[in-house]
Amino acid sequence: MIFIIPFLFVNDNLVPSIYDIMKNILVPTDFSQNSIRALKYAQVLFSSLECNFYLLYVGTLLDTKKDAQNFEETDGTAINTKHGLTELVKELRRHSTEADHFFFPLHEYGFFVPMIKKHLEENNIDLIVMGTKGASGLKEKVVGTNAGDVITKVQCNTLVVPPQVDLSKPREIAFPTDYNIFYSLKILRPMEEVVKLGKAKLRVMNALKNGGDLNEEQKKNKEYLMDFMEEAFPGTHSFHTITNQSVKAAIQCFVESREVDMMVMVAKNLNFIQHILFDSMVEQISFHTKVPFYAIHE
């Protein structure tokens, strides 16, 4: 099986065509440190690309009254959200080290997911970047409510960035999968992009229960994936099978042993992603505070 990967020739070197594309990135913000860090991570990750960053603040309908009175409490600080968003964008424009990064404020009142969907269409968004709320208690899930809603209800690739993430490009990217879905190019191309951005190594990881084995469909999906990886990432990818009674424990062990600094998952495989992110408590998945999750949609 042969895959043709588009490249541009620059200074006699092969350069992936992703570097010639303007990227539109939507970053929901509530002015928290977590949301600001998610934006900074995206700036680092896409430092080599021309990007439009759209910073979106979504206030509830009750917030319209607060803003009319000029103030809202956020992280203990009283601010006017429209003014705060404008000032945040001005600061980003002043201090951005990348000449090809541009910042735009978006201020809305209403329900979070519908506002996200509205701006996906209006601004031709390629990627959503969100911070998580972080652990506020042992019963909190790995991914918070807003991020979880975006991953499951919005058809757009979403990068969820935890509070303690290192502001550097990923070098080791894990792709945990159960091989239960066919990997279309709409899934594989974004994965290819993020690997090339960081010149990273991609680790495909399958967790099998003790005594388990792949069925025929899973074997075909794995074979197709292996063919693509060989063409796209020669010498910089590997396949791993870990046998364990618990999928979460297997992924936890793999991420820690390989020093993984990003995880890629396919949103279409909802049962698998829900098992890892939404059914998992914070105390069971310790890497949640440092490793970003990249959820890819078809």
C-alpha atoms as a PDB file:
ATOM      1  CA  MET A   1       0.000   0.000   0.000  1.00  0.00           C
ATOM      2  CA  ILE A   2       1.507   3.340  -1.096  1.00  0.00           C
ATOM      3  CA  PHE A   3       0.692   6.742   0.359  1.00  0.00           C
ATOM      4  CA  ILE A   4       1.587   9.993  -1.402  1.00  0.00           C
ATOM      5  CA  ILE A   5       2.501  12.708   1.074  1.00  0.00           C
ATOM      6  CA  PRO A   6       2.551  16.280  -0.334  1.00  0.00           C
ATOM      7  CA  PHE A   7       5.793  18.204   0.090  1.00  0.00           C
ATOM      8  CA  LEU A   8       7.222  21.540  -1.007  1.00  0.00           C
ATOM      9  CA  PHE A   9      10.816  22.031  -2.120  1.00  0.00           C
ATOM     10  CA  VAL A  10      12.525  24.882  -0.242  1.00  0.00           C
ATOM     11  CA  ASN A  11      16.280  25.449  -0.506  1.00  0.00           C
ATOM     12  CA  ASP A  12      16.671  21.943  -1.963  1.00  0.00           C
ATOM     13  CA  ASN A  13      15.142  20.456   1.197  1.00  0.00           C
ATOM     14  CA  LEU A  14      11.921  18.553   1.525  1.00  0.00           C
ATOM     15  CA  VAL A  15       9.506  20.581   3.663  1.00  0.00           C
ATOM     16  CA  PRO A  16       6.046  19.283   4.584  1.00  0.00           C
ATOM     17  CA  SER A  17       3.277  21.310   2.946  1.00  0.00           C
ATOM     18  CA  ILE A  18       1.781  22.068   6.386  1.00  0.00           C
ATOM     19  CA  TYR A  19       4.293  24.901   6.659  1.00  0.00           C
ATOM     20  CA  ASP A  20       2.587  26.774   3.835  1.00  0.00           C
ATOM     21  CA  ILE A  21      -0.853  26.799   5.434  1.00  0.00           C
ATOM     22  CA  MET A  22      -2.492  29.539   7.518  1.00  0.00           C
ATOM     23  CA  LYS A  23      -3.984  27.903  10.613  1.00  0.00           C
ATOM     24  CA  ASN A  24      -7.063  29.255  12.401  1.00  0.00           C
ATOM     25  CA  ILE A  25      -7.073  28.307  16.078  1.00  0.00           C
ATOM     26  CA  LEU A  26      -9.921  28.932  18.524  1.00  0.00           C
ATOM     27  CA  VAL A  27      -8.888  29.321  22.169  1.00  0.00           C
ATOM     28  CA  PRO A  28     -11.742  29.572  24.697  1.00  0.00           C
ATOM     29  CA  THR A  29     -10.635  31.606  27.711  1.00  0.00           C
ATOM     30  CA  ASP A  30     -12.013  32.482  31.128  1.00  0.00           C
ATOM     31  CA  PHE A  31      -8.873  34.498  32.041  1.00  0.00           C
ATOM     32  CA  SER A  32      -7.683  31.660  34.276  1.00  0.00           C
ATOM     33  CA  GLN A  33      -3.995  30.728  34.377  1.00  0.00           C
ATOM     34  CA  ASN A  34      -4.882  27.342  32.890  1.00  0.00           C
ATOM     35  CA  SER A  35      -6.524  28.864  29.807  1.00  0.00           C
ATOM     36  CA  ILE A  36      -3.621  31.300  29.332  1.00  0.00           C
ATOM     37  CA  ARG A  37      -1.106  28.456  29.596  1.00  0.00           C
ATOM     38  CA  ALA A  38      -3.042  26.488  26.972  1.00  0.00           C
ATOM     39  CA  LEU A  39      -2.694  29.452  24.625  1.00  0.00           C
ATOM     40  CA  LYS A  40       1.042  29.739  25.323  1.00  0.00           C
ATOM     41  CA  TYR A  41       1.468  26.032  24.616  1.00  0.00           C
ATOM     42  CA  ALA A  42      -0.296  26.434  21.280  1.00  0.00           C
ATOM     43  CA  GLN A  43       1.963  29.376  20.412  1.00  0.00           C
ATOM     44  CA  VAL A  44       5.022  27.204  21.027  1.00  0.00           C
ATOM     45  CA  LEU A  45       3.611  24.177  19.214  1.00  0.00           C
ATOM     46  CA  PHE A  46       2.722  26.187  16.108  1.00  0.00           C
ATOM     47  CA  SER A  47       5.653  28.597  16.221  1.00  0.00           C
ATOM     48  CA  SER A  48       6.718  27.588  12.701  1.00  0.00           C
ATOM     49  CA  LEU A  49       3.275  28.206  11.171  1.00  0.00           C
ATOM     50  CA  GLU A  50       1.323  31.312  10.288  1.00  0.00           C
ATOM     51  CA  CYS A  51      -1.636  31.320  12.697  1.00  0.00           C
ATOM     52  CA  ASN A  52      -4.714  33.300  13.561  1.00  0.00           C
ATOM     53  CA  PHE A  53      -5.566  32.850  17.252  1.00  0.00           C
ATOM     54  CA  TYR A  54      -9.189  33.633  18.102  1.00  0.00           C
ATOM     55  CA  LEU A  55      -9.633  34.132  21.852  1.00  0.00           C
ATOM     56  CA  LEU A  56     -13.232  33.424  22.792  1.00  0.00           C
ATOM     57  CA  TYR A  57     -14.848  34.405  26.064  1.00  0.00           C
ATOM     58  CA  VAL A  58     -18.353  32.984  26.590  1.00  0.00           C
ATOM     59  CA  GLY A  59     -20.300  34.521  29.443  1.00  0.00           C
ATOM     60  CA  THR A  60     -23.611  33.189  30.693  1.00  0.00           C
ATOM     61  CA  LEU A  61     -26.782  35.165  30.179  1.00  0.00           C
ATOM     62  CA  LEU A  62     -26.559  36.165  33.845  1.00  0.00           C
ATOM     63  CA  ASP A  63     -23.150  37.701  33.119  1.00  0.00           C
ATOM     64  CA  THR A  64     -24.716  40.352  30.889  1.00  0.00           C
ATOM     65  CA  LYS A  65     -25.945  42.094  34.033  1.00  0.00           C
ATOM     66  CA  LYS A  66     -22.574  41.802  35.726  1.00  0.00           C
ATOM     67  CA  ASP A  67     -20.789  43.262  32.733  1.00  0.00           C
ATOM     68  CA  ALA A  68     -23.323  46.044  32.589  1.00  0.00           C
ATOM     69  CA  GLN A  69     -22.156  46.851  36.099  1.00  0.00           C
ATOM     70  CA  ASN A  70     -18.591  46.615  34.750  1.00  0.00           C
ATOM     71  CA  PHE A  71     -17.352  43.777  36.943  1.00  0.00           C
ATOM     72  CA  GLU A  72     -17.202  40.010  37.177  1.00  0.00           C
ATOM     73  CA  GLU A  73     -15.335  37.835  39.638  1.00  0.00           C
ATOM     74  CA  THR A  74     -12.746  35.614  37.929  1.00  0.00           C
ATOM     75  CA  ASP A  75      -9.996  33.934  39.950  1.00  0.00           C
ATOM     76  CA  GLY A  76     -10.674  36.429  42.742  1.00  0.00           C
ATOM     77  CA  THR A  77     -10.105  39.488  40.553  1.00  0.00           C
ATOM     78  CA  ALA A  78     -12.856  41.898  39.601  1.00  0.00           C
ATOM     79  CA  ILE A  79     -12.771  42.711  35.882  1.00  0.00           C
ATOM     80  CA  ASN A  80     -15.027  43.742  33.033  1.00  0.00           C
ATOM     81  CA  THR A  81     -14.887  40.768  30.678  1.00  0.00           C
ATOM     82  CA  LYS A  82     -15.030  42.738  27.420  1.00  0.00           C
ATOM     83  CA  HIS A  83     -12.316  45.098  28.591  1.00  0.00           C
ATOM     84  CA  GLY A  84     -10.293  42.202  30.006  1.00  0.00           C
ATOM     85  CA  LEU A  85     -10.433  40.313  26.705  1.00  0.00           C
ATOM     86  CA  THR A  86      -9.391  43.403  24.736  1.00  0.00           C
ATOM     87  CA  GLU A  87      -6.456  44.010  27.060  1.00  0.00           C
ATOM     88  CA  LEU A  88      -5.404  40.355  26.890  1.00  0.00           C
ATOM     89  CA  VAL A  89      -5.286  40.477  23.096  1.00  0.00           C
ATOM     90  CA  LYS A  90      -3.325  43.754  23.169  1.00  0.00           C
ATOM     91  CA  GLU A  91      -0.789  42.194  25.529  1.00  0.00           C
ATOM     92  CA  LEU A  92      -0.438  39.125  23.313  1.00  0.00           C
ATOM     93  CA  ARG A  93       0.145  41.297  20.269  1.00  0.00           C
ATOM     94  CA  ARG A  94       2.821  43.283  22.100  1.00  0.00           C
ATOM     95  CA  HIS A  95       4.695  40.300  23.496  1.00  0.00           C
ATOM     96  CA  SER A  96       4.307  37.613  20.826  1.00  0.00           C
ATOM     97  CA  THR A  97       7.716  36.494  19.594  1.00  0.00           C
ATOM     98  CA  GLU A  98       6.290  35.081  16.358  1.00  0.00           C
ATOM     99  CA  ALA A  99       5.721  37.647  13.609  1.00  0.00           C
ATOM    100  CA  ASP A 100       3.239  35.352  11.850  1.00  0.00           C
ATOM    101  CA  HIS A 101       0.929  34.923  14.851  1.00  0.00           C
ATOM    102  CA  PHE A 102      -2.154  37.142  14.933  1.00  0.00           C
ATOM    103  CA  PHE A 103      -4.688  37.532  17.764  1.00  0.00           C
ATOM    104  CA  PHE A 104      -8.385  38.433  17.697  1.00  0.00           C
ATOM    105  CA  PRO A 105     -10.904  38.853  20.555  1.00  0.00           C
ATOM    106  CA  LEU A 106     -14.336  37.188  20.454  1.00  0.00           C
ATOM    107  CA  HIS A 107     -16.828  38.024  23.213  1.00  0.00           C
ATOM    108  CA  GLU A 108     -20.181  36.234  23.482  1.00  0.00           C
ATOM    109  CA  TYR A 109     -23.020  35.586  25.900  1.00  0.00           C
ATOM    110  CA  GLY A 110     -24.888  32.303  25.810  1.00  0.00           C
ATOM    111  CA  PHE A 111     -24.311  28.573  26.020  1.00  0.00           C
ATOM    112  CA  PHE A 112     -20.745  27.366  25.640  1.00  0.00           C
ATOM    113  CA  VAL A 113     -20.997  24.643  22.960  1.00  0.00           C
ATOM    114  CA  PRO A 114     -23.337  26.581  20.599  1.00  0.00           C
ATOM    115  CA  MET A 115     -20.973  29.569  20.763  1.00  0.00           C
ATOM    116  CA  ILE A 116     -18.045  27.302  19.932  1.00  0.00           C
ATOM    117  CA  LYS A 117     -19.922  25.911  16.923  1.00  0.00           C
ATOM    118  CA  LYS A 118     -20.888  29.398  15.775  1.00  0.00           C
ATOM    119  CA  HIS A 119     -17.296  30.552  15.549  1.00  0.00           C
ATOM    120  CA  LEU A 120     -16.087  27.340  13.933  1.00  0.00           C
ATOM    121  CA  GLU A 121     -18.085  28.321  10.866  1.00  0.00           C
ATOM    122  CA  GLU A 122     -17.608  32.080  11.001  1.00  0.00           C
ATOM    123  CA  ASN A 123     -13.808  31.908  11.330  1.00  0.00           C
ATOM    124  CA  ASN A 124     -13.099  28.660   9.485  1.00  0.00           C
ATOM    125  CA  ILE A 125     -11.477  27.140  12.587  1.00  0.00           C
ATOM    126  CA  ASP A 126      -9.007  24.262  12.130  1.00  0.00           C
ATOM    127  CA  LEU A 127      -8.284  23.507  15.781  1.00  0.00           C
ATOM    128  CA  ILE A 128      -9.676  24.225  19.253  1.00  0.00           C
ATOM    129  CA  VAL A 129      -7.172  24.604  22.084  1.00  0.00           C
ATOM    130  CA  MET A 130      -8.506  24.408  25.635  1.00  0.00           C
ATOM    131  CA  GLY A 131      -7.118  24.301  29.138  1.00  0.00           C
ATOM    132  CA  THR A 132      -8.462  21.906  31.713  1.00  0.00           C
ATOM    133  CA  LYS A 133      -9.591  23.120  35.111  1.00  0.00           C
ATOM    134  CA  GLY A 134      -7.068  20.924  36.910  1.00  0.00           C
ATOM    135  CA  ALA A 135      -7.754  18.794  39.929  1.00  0.00           C
ATOM    136  CA  SER A 136      -9.894  20.410  42.579  1.00  0.00           C
ATOM    137  CA  GLY A 137     -10.678  17.180  44.357  1.00  0.00           C
ATOM    138  CA  LEU A 138     -10.237  13.426  44.175  1.00  0.00           C
ATOM    139  CA  LYS A 139     -13.545  12.928  42.401  1.00  0.00           C
ATOM    140  CA  GLU A 140     -12.785  15.259  39.501  1.00  0.00           C
ATOM    141  CA  LYS A 141     -12.465  13.647  36.100  1.00  0.00           C
ATOM    142  CA  VAL A 142      -9.317  13.903  33.985  1.00  0.00           C
ATOM    143  CA  VAL A 143     -11.105  16.144  31.459  1.00  0.00           C
ATOM    144  CA  GLY A 144     -13.455  18.848  32.724  1.00  0.00           C
ATOM    145  CA  THR A 145     -17.048  19.428  31.621  1.00  0.00           C
ATOM    146  CA  ASN A 146     -16.430  22.095  28.966  1.00  0.00           C
ATOM    147  CA  ALA A 147     -13.502  20.251  27.383  1.00  0.00           C
ATOM    148  CA  GLY A 148     -15.430  16.983  27.493  1.00  0.00           C
ATOM    149  CA  ASP A 149     -18.438  18.588  25.810  1.00  0.00           C
ATOM    150  CA  VAL A 150     -16.270  20.044  23.052  1.00  0.00           C
ATOM    151  CA  ILE A 151     -14.535  16.719  22.355  1.00  0.00           C
ATOM    152  CA  THR A 152     -17.794  14.772  22.175  1.00  0.00           C
ATOM    153  CA  LYS A 153     -20.210  17.346  20.708  1.00  0.00           C
ATOM    154  CA  VAL A 154     -18.127  19.533  18.385  1.00  0.00           C
ATOM    155  CA  GLN A 155     -16.742  18.169  15.118  1.00  0.00           C
ATOM    156  CA  CYS A 156     -13.369  19.865  15.295  1.00  0.00           C
ATOM    157  CA  ASN A 157      -9.933  18.654  16.331  1.00  0.00           C
ATOM    158  CA  THR A 158      -9.332  19.657  19.941  1.00  0.00           C
ATOM    159  CA  LEU A 159      -6.122  19.982  21.929  1.00  0.00           C
ATOM    160  CA  VAL A 160      -6.724  19.828  25.692  1.00  0.00           C
ATOM    161  CA  VAL A 161      -3.810  21.294  27.645  1.00  0.00           C
ATOM    162  CA  PRO A 162      -3.269  20.515  31.356  1.00  0.00           C
ATOM    163  CA  PRO A 163      -2.052  23.107  33.871  1.00  0.00           C
ATOM    164  CA  GLN A 164       1.491  21.803  34.408  1.00  0.00           C
ATOM    165  CA  VAL A 165       2.421  21.204  30.778  1.00  0.00           C
ATOM    166  CA  ASP A 166       5.962  22.069  29.708  1.00  0.00           C
ATOM    167  CA  LEU A 167       6.010  24.902  27.184  1.00  0.00           C
ATOM    168  CA  SER A 168       7.926  22.947  24.567  1.00  0.00           C
ATOM    169  CA  LYS A 169       7.149  20.947  21.455  1.00  0.00           C
ATOM    170  CA  PRO A 170       6.403  17.262  22.054  1.00  0.00           C
ATOM    171  CA  ARG A 171       9.215  14.797  21.365  1.00  0.00           C
ATOM    172  CA  GLU A 172       7.420  11.590  22.345  1.00  0.00           C
ATOM    173  CA  ILE A 173       3.796  11.242  21.225  1.00  0.00           C
ATOM    174  CA  ALA A 174       1.669   8.272  22.241  1.00  0.00           C
ATOM    175  CA  PHE A 175      -1.279   7.025  20.229  1.00  0.00           C
ATOM    176  CA  PRO A 176      -3.219   4.549  22.398  1.00  0.00           C
ATOM    177  CA  THR A 177      -5.676   2.585  20.269  1.00  0.00           C
ATOM    178  CA  ASP A 178      -7.697  -0.598  20.294  1.00  0.00           C
ATOM    179  CA  TYR A 179      -7.636  -0.863  16.445  1.00  0.00           C
ATOM    180  CA  ASN A 180     -11.426  -0.956  16.362  1.00  0.00           C
ATOM    181  CA  ILE A 181     -11.788   1.837  13.789  1.00  0.00           C
ATOM    182  CA  PHE A 182     -10.498   2.437  10.274  1.00  0.00           C
ATOM    183  CA  TYR A 183      -7.903   5.218  10.172  1.00  0.00           C
ATOM    184  CA  SER A 184      -8.908   7.581   7.375  1.00  0.00           C
ATOM    185  CA  LEU A 185      -6.598  10.300   6.071  1.00  0.00           C
ATOM    186  CA  LYS A 186      -8.703  12.886   7.953  1.00  0.00           C
ATOM    187  CA  ILE A 187      -7.477  11.169  11.108  1.00  0.00           C
ATOM    188  CA  LEU A 188      -3.928  10.483   9.992  1.00  0.00           C
ATOM    189  CA  ARG A 189      -3.071  13.894   8.498  1.00  0.00           C
ATOM    190  CA  PRO A 190      -3.513  15.896  11.749  1.00  0.00           C
ATOM    191  CA  MET A 191      -1.491  13.221  13.533  1.00  0.00           C
ATOM    192  CA  GLU A 192       1.206  13.577  10.875  1.00  0.00           C
ATOM    193  CA  GLU A 193       1.177  17.348  11.301  1.00  0.00           C
ATOM    194  CA  VAL A 194       1.695  17.374  15.058  1.00  0.00           C
ATOM    195  CA  VAL A 195       4.462  14.773  14.820  1.00  0.00           C
ATOM    196  CA  LYS A 196       6.328  16.816  12.190  1.00  0.00           C
ATOM    197  CA  LEU A 197       5.879  20.092  14.096  1.00  0.00           C
ATOM    198  CA  GLY A 198       7.885  18.736  17.018  1.00  0.00           C
ATOM    199  CA  LYS A 199      10.056  16.355  14.982  1.00  0.00           C
ATOM    200  CA  ALA A 200       8.662  13.833  17.424  1.00  0.00           C
ATOM    201  CA  LYS A 201       8.593  10.064  17.628  1.00  0.00           C
ATOM    202  CA  LEU A 202       5.183   8.432  17.461  1.00  0.00           C
ATOM    203  CA  ARG A 203       4.445   5.438  19.685  1.00  0.00           C
ATOM    204  CA  VAL A 204       1.356   3.427  18.733  1.00  0.00           C
ATOM    205  CA  MET A 205       0.210   1.548  21.797  1.00  0.00           C
ATOM    206  CA  ASN A 206      -2.385  -1.192  22.161  1.00  0.00           C
ATOM    207  CA  ALA A 207      -3.490  -2.450  25.566  1.00  0.00           C
ATOM    208  CA  LEU A 208      -4.721  -6.040  25.576  1.00  0.00           C
ATOM    209  CA  LYS A 209      -6.274  -7.819  28.498  1.00  0.00           C
ATOM    210  CA  ASN A 210      -4.530 -10.960  29.662  1.00  0.00           C
ATOM    211  CA  GLY A 211      -5.249 -13.748  27.195  1.00  0.00           C
ATOM    212  CA  GLY A 212      -6.765 -11.380  24.636  1.00  0.00           C
ATOM    213  CA  ASP A 213      -5.987 -11.123  20.933  1.00  0.00           C
ATOM    214  CA  LEU A 214      -6.915  -8.928  17.955  1.00  0.00           C
ATOM    215  CA  ASN A 215      -9.819 -10.000  15.762  1.00  0.00           C
ATOM    216  CA  GLU A 216      -9.604  -9.954  11.954  1.00  0.00           C
ATOM    217  CA  GLU A 217     -10.978  -6.418  11.594  1.00  0.00           C
ATOM    218  CA  GLN A 218      -8.546  -5.092  14.188  1.00  0.00           C
ATOM    219  CA  LYS A 219      -5.659  -6.816  12.406  1.00  0.00           C
ATOM    220  CA  LYS A 220      -6.627  -5.188   9.085  1.00  0.00           C
ATOM    221  CA  ASN A 221      -6.869  -1.757  10.701  1.00  0.00           C
ATOM    222  CA  LYS A 222      -3.480  -2.244  12.327  1.00  0.00           C
ATOM    223  CA  GLU A 223      -1.924  -3.328   9.026  1.00  0.00           C
ATOM    224  CA  TYR A 224      -3.260  -0.226   7.266  1.00  0.00           C
ATOM    225  CA  LEU A 225      -1.933   1.964  10.063  1.00  0.00           C
ATOM    226  CA  MET A 226       1.471   0.294   9.892  1.00  0.00           C
ATOM    227  CA  ASP A 227       1.666   0.919   6.129  1.00  0.00           C
ATOM    228  CA  PHE A 228       0.890   4.608   6.594  1.00  0.00           C
ATOM    229  CA  MET A 229       3.387   5.014   9.426  1.00  0.00           C
ATOM    230  CA  GLU A 230       6.140   3.428   7.380  1.00  0.00           C
ATOM    231  CA  GLU A 231       5.574   5.961   4.602  1.00  0.00           C
ATOM    232  CA  ALA A 232       4.977   9.007   6.804  1.00  0.00           C
ATOM    233  CA  PHE A 233       7.415   8.409   9.673  1.00  0.00           C
ATOM    234  CA  PRO A 234      10.178   6.043   8.525  1.00  0.00           C
ATOM    235  CA  GLY A 235      12.377   5.201  11.482  1.00  0.00           C
ATOM    236  CA  THR A 236      10.542   7.509  13.890  1.00  0.00           C
ATOM    237  CA  HIS A 237       7.587   5.369  14.932  1.00  0.00           C
ATOM    238  CA  SER A 238       7.023   2.110  16.772  1.00  0.00           C
ATOM    239  CA  PHE A 239       4.191  -0.248  17.693  1.00  0.00           C
ATOM    240  CA  HIS A 240       3.711  -1.590  21.213  1.00  0.00           C
ATOM    241  CA  THR A 241       1.374  -4.117  22.796  1.00  0.00           C
ATOM    242  CA  ILE A 242       0.965  -4.094  26.556  1.00  0.00           C
ATOM    243  CA  THR A 243      -0.906  -6.866  28.325  1.00  0.00           C
ATOM    244  CA  ASN A 244      -2.756  -5.801  31.432  1.00  0.00           C
ATOM    245  CA  GLN A 245      -6.133  -6.328  33.026  1.00  0.00           C
ATOM    246  CA  SER A 246      -6.667  -2.556  33.136  1.00  0.00           C
ATOM    247  CA  VAL A 247      -6.378  -0.390  30.017  1.00  0.00           C
ATOM    248  CA  LYS A 248      -5.914   2.732  32.147  1.00  0.00           C
ATOM    249  CA  ALA A 249      -3.097   1.125  34.108  1.00  0.00           C
ATOM    250  CA  ALA A 250      -1.402  -0.018  30.888  1.00  0.00           C
ATOM    251  CA  ILE A 251      -1.514   3.491  29.409  1.00  0.00           C
ATOM    252  CA  GLN A 252      -0.331   5.005  32.679  1.00  0.00           C
ATOM    253  CA  CYS A 253       2.678   2.674  32.724  1.00  0.00           C
ATOM    254  CA  PHE A 254       3.460   3.293  29.060  1.00  0.00           C
ATOM    255  CA  VAL A 255       3.284   7.099  29.303  1.00  0.00           C
ATOM    256  CA  GLU A 256       5.526   7.187  32.345  1.00  0.00           C
ATOM    257  CA  SER A 257       8.094   4.681  31.047  1.00  0.00           C
ATOM    258  CA  ARG A 258       8.414   6.380  27.642  1.00  0.00           C
ATOM    259  CA  GLU A 259       8.304   9.941  29.044  1.00  0.00           C
ATOM    260  CA  VAL A 260       5.441  10.731  26.667  1.00  0.00           C
ATOM    261  CA  ASP A 261       4.617  14.433  26.376  1.00  0.00           C
ATOM    262  CA  MET A 262       1.469  14.271  24.205  1.00  0.00           C
ATOM    263  CA  MET A 263      -1.322  11.766  23.669  1.00  0.00           C
ATOM    264  CA  VAL A 264      -3.300  11.539  20.427  1.00  0.00           C
ATOM    265  CA  MET A 265      -6.722   9.918  20.460  1.00  0.00           C
ATOM    266  CA  VAL A 266      -9.521   9.549  17.908  1.00  0.00           C
ATOM    267  CA  ALA A 267     -12.813  11.096  18.973  1.00  0.00           C
ATOM    268  CA  LYS A 268     -14.740   8.700  16.698  1.00  0.00           C
ATOM    269  CA  ASN A 269     -13.697   5.859  18.956  1.00  0.00           C
ATOM    270  CA  LEU A 270     -15.912   7.278  21.695  1.00  0.00           C
ATOM    271  CA  ASN A 271     -16.096   4.158  23.849  1.00  0.00           C
ATOM    272  CA  PHE A 272     -12.310   3.997  24.082  1.00  0.00           C
ATOM    273  CA  ILE A 273     -11.735   7.716  24.649  1.00  0.00           C
ATOM    274  CA  GLN A 274     -14.549   7.861  27.193  1.00  0.00           C
ATOM    275  CA  HIS A 275     -13.024   4.961  29.098  1.00  0.00           C
ATOM    276  CA  ILE A 276      -9.668   6.725  29.291  1.00  0.00           C
ATOM    277  CA  LEU A 277     -10.674  10.356  29.839  1.00  0.00           C
ATOM    278  CA  PHE A 278     -14.222  10.636  31.117  1.00  0.00           C
ATOM    279  CA  ASP A 279     -14.584   7.512  33.240  1.00  0.00           C
ATOM    280  CA  SER A 280     -11.194   8.037  34.863  1.00  0.00           C
ATOM    281  CA  MET A 281     -10.718   9.732  38.173  1.00  0.00           C
ATOM    282  CA  VAL A 282      -7.772  12.010  38.797  1.00  0.00           C
ATOM    283  CA  GLU A 283      -6.172   9.745  41.367  1.00  0.00           C
ATOM    284  CA  GLN A 284      -6.124   6.879  38.817  1.00  0.00           C
ATOM    285  CA  ILE A 285      -4.387   8.841  36.031  1.00  0.00           C
ATOM    286  CA  SER A 286      -1.489  10.845  37.414  1.00  0.00           C
ATOM    287  CA  PHE A 287      -0.094  12.103  34.086  1.00  0.00           C
ATOM    288  CA  HIS A 288      -3.215  14.224  33.492  1.00  0.00           C
ATOM    289  CA  THR A 289      -1.552  17.354  34.908  1.00  0.00           C
ATOM    290  CA  LYS A 290       1.335  17.366  32.393  1.00  0.00           C
ATOM    291  CA  VAL A 291       0.401  15.544  29.180  1.00  0.00           C
ATOM    292  CA  PRO A 292      -1.835  17.253  26.566  1.00  0.00           C
ATOM    293  CA  PHE A 293      -4.584  15.241  24.865  1.00  0.00           C
ATOM    294  CA  TYR A 294      -5.123  15.771  21.133  1.00  0.00           C
ATOM    295  CA  ALA A 295      -8.578  14.501  20.097  1.00  0.00           C
ATOM    296  CA  ILE A 296      -8.909  14.084  16.331  1.00  0.00           C
ATOM    297  CA  HIS A 297     -12.249  14.136  14.488  1.00  0.00           C
ATOM    298  CA  GLU A 298     -13.004  12.924  10.991  1.00  0.00           C
END
